[in-house]
Amino acid sequence: MGDASFELKLERVLNAPRHNVWRCWTEAELLEQWFAPHPWTAKIKELDLRSGGGFHVSLRGPEGEESGGPGVFLAVEPEKRLIFTDAFQPGWLPSGQPFMTAIIELASEGDRTRYTARALHWREEDRKTHEDMGFHDGWGQVASQLEAIAAKL
């Protein structure tokens, strides 16, 4: 689906039930525990889980670096799929600097979860920048952090 030159993808089976993985994506206090690759931290400033609802994630690095920002949810399908983008801010205001749209898909495999995370970029250059920033290691690390928390719920 789509042009691979604009997409980065992580897929794995998590050793946790889908309901718990969904909770980790949709409850701010859980999301903050795994969303940033350690030693970075995440602070959820807004999480309005509905199509058009806003989100705002602030990431902080060990040296005080900051990343993240606002965006909106394009689709929320409970325990199945989340689609969100930084191309808009709440109220459908254009962000001015769109970077990516994320599609998170969950499917049960017994008591485990097939987890697919896709990052779609507007330009091939943005995809390459995201890959060079450490997409595979970073998103892989947070998927492991997500799995560890979801397995304990």
C-alpha atoms as a PDB file:
ATOM      1  CA  MET A   1       0.000   0.000   0.000  1.00  0.00           C
ATOM      2  CA  GLY A   2       1.486   3.349  -0.968  1.00  0.00           C
ATOM      3  CA  ASP A   3       4.922   4.261  -2.190  1.00  0.00           C
ATOM      4  CA  ALA A   4       7.642   2.578  -0.112  1.00  0.00           C
ATOM      5  CA  SER A   5       9.989   5.503  -0.733  1.00  0.00           C
ATOM      6  CA  PHE A   6       7.789   7.569   1.611  1.00  0.00           C
ATOM      7  CA  GLU A   7       7.140   4.904   4.284  1.00  0.00           C
ATOM      8  CA  LEU A   8       8.967   3.461   7.273  1.00  0.00           C
ATOM      9  CA  LYS A   9       7.468   0.403   8.948  1.00  0.00           C
ATOM     10  CA  LEU A  10       7.913  -1.649  12.095  1.00  0.00           C
ATOM     11  CA  GLU A  11       6.041  -4.915  12.530  1.00  0.00           C
ATOM     12  CA  ARG A  12       6.316  -7.452  15.317  1.00  0.00           C
ATOM     13  CA  VAL A  13       4.260  -9.717  17.533  1.00  0.00           C
ATOM     14  CA  LEU A  14       4.091  -8.400  21.095  1.00  0.00           C
ATOM     15  CA  ASN A  15       3.765 -10.786  24.020  1.00  0.00           C
ATOM     16  CA  ALA A  16       0.741  -8.956  25.434  1.00  0.00           C
ATOM     17  CA  PRO A  17      -2.999  -8.986  24.679  1.00  0.00           C
ATOM     18  CA  ARG A  18      -4.365  -6.441  22.218  1.00  0.00           C
ATOM     19  CA  HIS A  19      -6.590  -4.800  24.858  1.00  0.00           C
ATOM     20  CA  ASN A  20      -3.526  -4.007  26.990  1.00  0.00           C
ATOM     21  CA  VAL A  21      -1.544  -2.669  24.025  1.00  0.00           C
ATOM     22  CA  TRP A  22      -4.499  -0.417  23.165  1.00  0.00           C
ATOM     23  CA  ARG A  23      -4.626   0.865  26.750  1.00  0.00           C
ATOM     24  CA  CYS A  24      -0.914   1.738  26.532  1.00  0.00           C
ATOM     25  CA  TRP A  25      -1.622   3.837  23.430  1.00  0.00           C
ATOM     26  CA  THR A  26      -4.762   5.533  24.762  1.00  0.00           C
ATOM     27  CA  GLU A  27      -4.167   6.202  28.467  1.00  0.00           C
ATOM     28  CA  ALA A  28      -1.829   9.158  28.955  1.00  0.00           C
ATOM     29  CA  GLU A  29      -0.258   7.833  32.168  1.00  0.00           C
ATOM     30  CA  LEU A  30       0.668   4.577  30.383  1.00  0.00           C
ATOM     31  CA  LEU A  31       1.712   6.267  27.143  1.00  0.00           C
ATOM     32  CA  GLU A  32       4.201   8.452  29.015  1.00  0.00           C
ATOM     33  CA  GLN A  33       5.941   5.345  30.381  1.00  0.00           C
ATOM     34  CA  TRP A  34       6.983   3.912  27.012  1.00  0.00           C
ATOM     35  CA  PHE A  35       6.532   6.425  24.160  1.00  0.00           C
ATOM     36  CA  ALA A  36      10.081   7.870  24.246  1.00  0.00           C
ATOM     37  CA  PRO A  37      13.170   5.679  23.864  1.00  0.00           C
ATOM     38  CA  HIS A  38      14.928   5.672  27.250  1.00  0.00           C
ATOM     39  CA  PRO A  39      16.692   7.734  28.536  1.00  0.00           C
ATOM     40  CA  TRP A  40      14.333  10.219  26.848  1.00  0.00           C
ATOM     41  CA  THR A  41      11.023  10.951  28.586  1.00  0.00           C
ATOM     42  CA  ALA A  42       7.555  11.749  27.245  1.00  0.00           C
ATOM     43  CA  LYS A  43       4.943  14.131  28.621  1.00  0.00           C
ATOM     44  CA  ILE A  44       1.422  13.932  27.193  1.00  0.00           C
ATOM     45  CA  LYS A  45      -0.053  17.426  27.135  1.00  0.00           C
ATOM     46  CA  GLU A  46      -3.222  16.508  25.198  1.00  0.00           C
ATOM     47  CA  LEU A  47      -4.845  13.217  24.156  1.00  0.00           C
ATOM     48  CA  ASP A  48      -8.351  13.692  22.701  1.00  0.00           C
ATOM     49  CA  LEU A  49      -9.098  10.254  21.232  1.00  0.00           C
ATOM     50  CA  ARG A  50     -11.524  10.980  18.402  1.00  0.00           C
ATOM     51  CA  SER A  51     -11.276  11.841  14.734  1.00  0.00           C
ATOM     52  CA  GLY A  52     -10.203  15.486  14.717  1.00  0.00           C
ATOM     53  CA  GLY A  53      -9.165  15.316  18.366  1.00  0.00           C
ATOM     54  CA  GLY A  54      -5.872  16.873  19.313  1.00  0.00           C
ATOM     55  CA  PHE A  55      -2.762  15.351  20.785  1.00  0.00           C
ATOM     56  CA  HIS A  56       0.404  16.961  22.007  1.00  0.00           C
ATOM     57  CA  VAL A  57       3.457  14.992  23.055  1.00  0.00           C
ATOM     58  CA  SER A  58       6.578  16.597  24.435  1.00  0.00           C
ATOM     59  CA  LEU A  59       9.792  14.553  24.428  1.00  0.00           C
ATOM     60  CA  ARG A  60      12.833  15.472  26.488  1.00  0.00           C
ATOM     61  CA  GLY A  61      16.340  14.085  26.125  1.00  0.00           C
ATOM     62  CA  PRO A  62      18.939  13.522  28.831  1.00  0.00           C
ATOM     63  CA  GLU A  63      20.815  16.692  27.788  1.00  0.00           C
ATOM     64  CA  GLY A  64      17.632  18.810  27.808  1.00  0.00           C
ATOM     65  CA  GLU A  65      16.902  18.305  24.090  1.00  0.00           C
ATOM     66  CA  GLU A  66      13.233  18.729  23.175  1.00  0.00           C
ATOM     67  CA  SER A  67      11.153  17.186  20.433  1.00  0.00           C
ATOM     68  CA  GLY A  68       7.537  16.381  19.670  1.00  0.00           C
ATOM     69  CA  GLY A  69       4.603  18.700  19.306  1.00  0.00           C
ATOM     70  CA  PRO A  70       0.910  18.933  18.484  1.00  0.00           C
ATOM     71  CA  GLY A  71      -1.140  17.047  15.957  1.00  0.00           C
ATOM     72  CA  VAL A  72      -4.555  15.503  15.383  1.00  0.00           C
ATOM     73  CA  PHE A  73      -6.092  12.074  15.188  1.00  0.00           C
ATOM     74  CA  LEU A  74      -7.475  11.238  11.760  1.00  0.00           C
ATOM     75  CA  ALA A  75      -9.048   7.930  12.820  1.00  0.00           C
ATOM     76  CA  VAL A  76      -9.598   6.099  16.097  1.00  0.00           C
ATOM     77  CA  GLU A  77     -10.871   2.523  15.796  1.00  0.00           C
ATOM     78  CA  PRO A  78     -10.854   1.046  19.326  1.00  0.00           C
ATOM     79  CA  GLU A  79      -8.388  -1.814  19.774  1.00  0.00           C
ATOM     80  CA  LYS A  80      -7.712  -1.891  16.003  1.00  0.00           C
ATOM     81  CA  ARG A  81      -6.175   1.285  14.590  1.00  0.00           C
ATOM     82  CA  LEU A  82      -4.986   4.790  15.373  1.00  0.00           C
ATOM     83  CA  ILE A  83      -4.062   7.242  12.635  1.00  0.00           C
ATOM     84  CA  PHE A  84      -2.568  10.588  13.571  1.00  0.00           C
ATOM     85  CA  THR A  85      -0.609  13.350  11.887  1.00  0.00           C
ATOM     86  CA  ASP A  86       1.439  16.414  12.676  1.00  0.00           C
ATOM     87  CA  ALA A  87       0.219  18.031   9.431  1.00  0.00           C
ATOM     88  CA  PHE A  88      -2.596  19.653  11.410  1.00  0.00           C
ATOM     89  CA  GLN A  89      -3.022  21.130  14.837  1.00  0.00           C
ATOM     90  CA  PRO A  90      -6.306  20.907  16.769  1.00  0.00           C
ATOM     91  CA  GLY A  91      -9.115  22.722  14.954  1.00  0.00           C
ATOM     92  CA  TRP A  92      -7.696  21.448  11.627  1.00  0.00           C
ATOM     93  CA  LEU A  93      -5.199  24.304  11.508  1.00  0.00           C
ATOM     94  CA  PRO A  94      -2.334  23.510   9.125  1.00  0.00           C
ATOM     95  CA  SER A  95       0.891  22.960  11.040  1.00  0.00           C
ATOM     96  CA  GLY A  96       3.077  24.648   8.446  1.00  0.00           C
ATOM     97  CA  GLN A  97       5.709  21.891   8.665  1.00  0.00           C
ATOM     98  CA  PRO A  98       4.085  18.482   8.109  1.00  0.00           C
ATOM     99  CA  PHE A  99       6.514  15.646   8.722  1.00  0.00           C
ATOM    100  CA  MET A 100       4.525  12.424   8.926  1.00  0.00           C
ATOM    101  CA  THR A 101       1.296  10.558   9.438  1.00  0.00           C
ATOM    102  CA  ALA A 102       1.446   7.506  11.689  1.00  0.00           C
ATOM    103  CA  ILE A 103      -0.745   4.445  11.327  1.00  0.00           C
ATOM    104  CA  ILE A 104      -0.767   2.058  14.282  1.00  0.00           C
ATOM    105  CA  GLU A 105      -2.559  -1.249  13.687  1.00  0.00           C
ATOM    106  CA  LEU A 106      -3.276  -3.975  16.243  1.00  0.00           C
ATOM    107  CA  ALA A 107      -4.493  -7.522  15.597  1.00  0.00           C
ATOM    108  CA  SER A 108      -4.900 -10.390  18.043  1.00  0.00           C
ATOM    109  CA  GLU A 109      -2.794 -13.501  17.594  1.00  0.00           C
ATOM    110  CA  GLY A 110      -4.073 -15.671  20.421  1.00  0.00           C
ATOM    111  CA  ASP A 111      -3.107 -13.844  23.610  1.00  0.00           C
ATOM    112  CA  ARG A 112      -0.464 -11.846  21.745  1.00  0.00           C
ATOM    113  CA  THR A 113      -0.731  -8.800  19.470  1.00  0.00           C
ATOM    114  CA  ARG A 114       0.482  -8.246  15.921  1.00  0.00           C
ATOM    115  CA  TYR A 115       1.722  -4.667  16.116  1.00  0.00           C
ATOM    116  CA  THR A 116       2.274  -2.691  12.923  1.00  0.00           C
ATOM    117  CA  ALA A 117       3.522   0.888  13.090  1.00  0.00           C
ATOM    118  CA  ARG A 118       3.897   2.836   9.856  1.00  0.00           C
ATOM    119  CA  ALA A 119       5.259   6.335   9.389  1.00  0.00           C
ATOM    120  CA  LEU A 120       4.181   7.931   6.095  1.00  0.00           C
ATOM    121  CA  HIS A 121       6.070  11.013   4.955  1.00  0.00           C
ATOM    122  CA  TRP A 122       5.191  13.747   2.482  1.00  0.00           C
ATOM    123  CA  ARG A 123       8.558  13.604   0.797  1.00  0.00           C
ATOM    124  CA  GLU A 124      11.193  10.939   0.290  1.00  0.00           C
ATOM    125  CA  GLU A 125      13.681  13.352   1.908  1.00  0.00           C
ATOM    126  CA  ASP A 126      11.557  13.409   5.082  1.00  0.00           C
ATOM    127  CA  ARG A 127      11.511   9.608   5.151  1.00  0.00           C
ATOM    128  CA  LYS A 128      15.280   9.531   4.824  1.00  0.00           C
ATOM    129  CA  THR A 129      15.668  12.154   7.571  1.00  0.00           C
ATOM    130  CA  HIS A 130      13.419  10.088   9.863  1.00  0.00           C
ATOM    131  CA  GLU A 131      15.377   6.928   9.060  1.00  0.00           C
ATOM    132  CA  ASP A 132      18.685   8.708   9.697  1.00  0.00           C
ATOM    133  CA  MET A 133      17.301  10.019  13.024  1.00  0.00           C
ATOM    134  CA  GLY A 134      17.092   6.379  14.133  1.00  0.00           C
ATOM    135  CA  PHE A 135      13.558   5.306  13.209  1.00  0.00           C
ATOM    136  CA  HIS A 136      14.292   1.562  13.264  1.00  0.00           C
ATOM    137  CA  ASP A 137      16.216   1.535  16.548  1.00  0.00           C
ATOM    138  CA  GLY A 138      14.008   4.138  18.239  1.00  0.00           C
ATOM    139  CA  TRP A 139      10.624   2.746  17.219  1.00  0.00           C
ATOM    140  CA  GLY A 140      11.930  -0.759  17.916  1.00  0.00           C
ATOM    141  CA  GLN A 141      13.029   0.265  21.408  1.00  0.00           C
ATOM    142  CA  VAL A 142       9.691   1.909  22.224  1.00  0.00           C
ATOM    143  CA  ALA A 143       7.829  -1.164  20.904  1.00  0.00           C
ATOM    144  CA  SER A 144       9.826  -3.267  23.396  1.00  0.00           C
ATOM    145  CA  GLN A 145       9.043  -0.753  26.156  1.00  0.00           C
ATOM    146  CA  LEU A 146       5.354  -0.870  25.143  1.00  0.00           C
ATOM    147  CA  GLU A 147       5.396  -4.674  25.228  1.00  0.00           C
ATOM    148  CA  ALA A 148       6.938  -4.755  28.721  1.00  0.00           C
ATOM    149  CA  ILE A 149       4.268  -2.434  30.164  1.00  0.00           C
ATOM    150  CA  ALA A 150       1.331  -4.030  28.312  1.00  0.00           C
ATOM    151  CA  ALA A 151       2.400  -7.516  29.458  1.00  0.00           C
ATOM    152  CA  LYS A 152       2.134  -6.425  33.128  1.00  0.00           C
ATOM    153  CA  LEU A 153      -1.380  -4.893  32.956  1.00  0.00           C
END
